[in-house]
């Protein structure tokens, strides 16, 4: 599956990533790569939770 994510850099320099298709699915990282890795994990966890696993 593919999900659209938004990524913004906050005032502290962290990258904040959100998945609009999954409300509340947000993550962050010190780099863009770290933030994207973290949101992938958050998306998987969100899908598992919604599935009832």
C-alpha atoms as a PDB file:
ATOM      1  CA  UNK A   1       0.000   0.000   0.000  1.00  0.00           C
ATOM      2  CA  UNK A   2       1.045   3.557  -0.588  1.00  0.00           C
ATOM      3  CA  UNK A   3      -0.002   6.517   1.512  1.00  0.00           C
ATOM      4  CA  UNK A   4       0.477  10.208   0.889  1.00  0.00           C
ATOM      5  CA  UNK A   5       2.351  11.940   3.712  1.00  0.00           C
ATOM      6  CA  UNK A   6       3.134  15.551   4.445  1.00  0.00           C
ATOM      7  CA  UNK A   7       6.491  16.596   5.837  1.00  0.00           C
ATOM      8  CA  UNK A   8       7.447  19.910   7.422  1.00  0.00           C
ATOM      9  CA  UNK A   9      10.443  21.093   9.374  1.00  0.00           C
ATOM     10  CA  UNK A  10       9.579  22.627  12.738  1.00  0.00           C
ATOM     11  CA  UNK A  11      11.319  25.532  14.469  1.00  0.00           C
ATOM     12  CA  UNK A  12      13.574  23.145  16.397  1.00  0.00           C
ATOM     13  CA  UNK A  13      14.826  21.570  13.149  1.00  0.00           C
ATOM     14  CA  UNK A  14      12.914  18.296  13.438  1.00  0.00           C
ATOM     15  CA  UNK A  15      10.960  16.926  10.490  1.00  0.00           C
ATOM     16  CA  UNK A  16       7.317  16.280  11.315  1.00  0.00           C
ATOM     17  CA  UNK A  17       5.451  13.831   9.092  1.00  0.00           C
ATOM     18  CA  UNK A  18       1.721  13.182   8.981  1.00  0.00           C
ATOM     19  CA  UNK A  19      -0.418  10.707   7.072  1.00  0.00           C
ATOM     20  CA  UNK A  20      -3.720  12.502   6.305  1.00  0.00           C
ATOM     21  CA  UNK A  21      -5.477   9.242   5.341  1.00  0.00           C
ATOM     22  CA  UNK A  22      -4.956   7.942   8.896  1.00  0.00           C
ATOM     23  CA  UNK A  23      -6.055  10.642  11.370  1.00  0.00           C
ATOM     24  CA  UNK A  24      -3.642  10.931  14.272  1.00  0.00           C
ATOM     25  CA  UNK A  25      -0.857   9.106  12.458  1.00  0.00           C
ATOM     26  CA  UNK A  26       2.060  11.488  13.015  1.00  0.00           C
ATOM     27  CA  UNK A  27       5.789  10.995  13.537  1.00  0.00           C
ATOM     28  CA  UNK A  28       9.030  12.947  13.449  1.00  0.00           C
ATOM     29  CA  UNK A  29      12.758  12.606  13.004  1.00  0.00           C
ATOM     30  CA  UNK A  30      16.024  14.533  13.118  1.00  0.00           C
ATOM     31  CA  UNK A  31      16.422  14.036   9.342  1.00  0.00           C
ATOM     32  CA  UNK A  32      13.980  13.571   6.474  1.00  0.00           C
ATOM     33  CA  UNK A  33      15.074   9.934   6.118  1.00  0.00           C
ATOM     34  CA  UNK A  34      14.575   9.242   9.818  1.00  0.00           C
ATOM     35  CA  UNK A  35      11.157  10.926   9.761  1.00  0.00           C
ATOM     36  CA  UNK A  36      10.058   8.872   6.746  1.00  0.00           C
ATOM     37  CA  UNK A  37      11.270   5.646   8.356  1.00  0.00           C
ATOM     38  CA  UNK A  38       9.377   6.548  11.521  1.00  0.00           C
ATOM     39  CA  UNK A  39       6.123   7.356   9.692  1.00  0.00           C
ATOM     40  CA  UNK A  40       6.302   3.998   7.880  1.00  0.00           C
ATOM     41  CA  UNK A  41       6.420   2.284  11.284  1.00  0.00           C
ATOM     42  CA  UNK A  42       3.585   4.487  12.569  1.00  0.00           C
ATOM     43  CA  UNK A  43       1.433   3.678   9.527  1.00  0.00           C
ATOM     44  CA  UNK A  44       1.976  -0.065   9.994  1.00  0.00           C
ATOM     45  CA  UNK A  45       1.129   0.187  13.695  1.00  0.00           C
ATOM     46  CA  UNK A  46      -1.972   2.250  12.923  1.00  0.00           C
ATOM     47  CA  UNK A  47      -3.188  -0.270  10.356  1.00  0.00           C
ATOM     48  CA  UNK A  48      -2.629  -3.163  12.761  1.00  0.00           C
ATOM     49  CA  UNK A  49      -4.534  -1.343  15.492  1.00  0.00           C
ATOM     50  CA  UNK A  50      -7.430  -0.548  13.172  1.00  0.00           C
ATOM     51  CA  UNK A  51      -7.520  -4.191  12.036  1.00  0.00           C
ATOM     52  CA  UNK A  52      -7.790  -5.309  15.631  1.00  0.00           C
ATOM     53  CA  UNK A  53      -4.515  -7.265  15.738  1.00  0.00           C
END
